[in-house]
Amino acid sequence: MSLSIKSGAFLIGDAHYSDFRLELFDFLQDIKSKKLNPTQLILFGDIFDALFGGVDSTQDTNKDMVDLLNDISNDIDIIYLEGNHDFNLTNIFPKIKIISISKQPLECNYNSKKVFIAHGDIHSSFSYKLYTAIIRDKTVLYCLNIINNLLDNKIIKELNIYLNKKDDCFKFSGFKEYISKRIVGRYRCDYFIEGHFHQNKNVKFDEFLYINLPSFACNQRYFSVKSSEDLELMEEIYLKGDVNGTS
């Protein structure tokens, strides 16, 4: 699968939406009401803190946000890269292009440029790959759903409490070296864009420009593709100030 990134697209990563983090809902309401008018919405995973297809309570808890995204998808092209907090989403978002981890990084084009996009939890350690395979397994999720329902949602409630205590806004020491070992030499492209690490950094390698998106959960920043040619000229927008202002 290859898709095109449009000028005027909004790129959002790691909002970790939950009862404790509601900012994304207001942002998407502005898109629905046409206060903001992206040509395309690209979601880089972990948009929800916990949304698992097949686990009823995670869908019930996030119903308002799920409904809002589905409403927006009637008017705007949405690409959703599944993360490690939100997966098995195809039946939840029928009109949204869902990109599973097995299809990431996704090759895209932007004018004449080749771009790879991913949530970011690819090319990780064996133990992490095993963990992600287990949590995405439909049989595991089916059993989790039954047990959680029998326990009156206790498992998911405890999970949400744990996730709310996590520090999502951290500085990754040695980030450039880590990224280089993960992906340099694997891809021929002009840009490689991912989220997951919450670092809001651009790193220039010989092979491509690497862009790590900010975490929307940390500072309500997102990117808008403004340049007619170069993605490094994306405009970073900070919602806590003027929605039309840059950081």
Foldseek 3Di string as FASTA:
>chain_A
DEAADDAQEWEAEQQQDAPVRCVVVVVLVCCLVVVRPGQAYEYFENNHQAAAPLQVVSCVRCVVVLVSVLSSLVPHAYEYAYDLRHDPCCVSRVSHHYHYQVCPQHWYDQVPFIETEHQPPPQDDPVVVVVSVQVNDNVNSNVVNVVCVVVVNVVVVVVVVVSVPDDLADADPPVVVVVCVRPPPPDATAEYEHEPNQHQDWDDDPRYIYGYHHNCNVFNKIWGRNDNDDSVPTFIATVVPPRPDGD
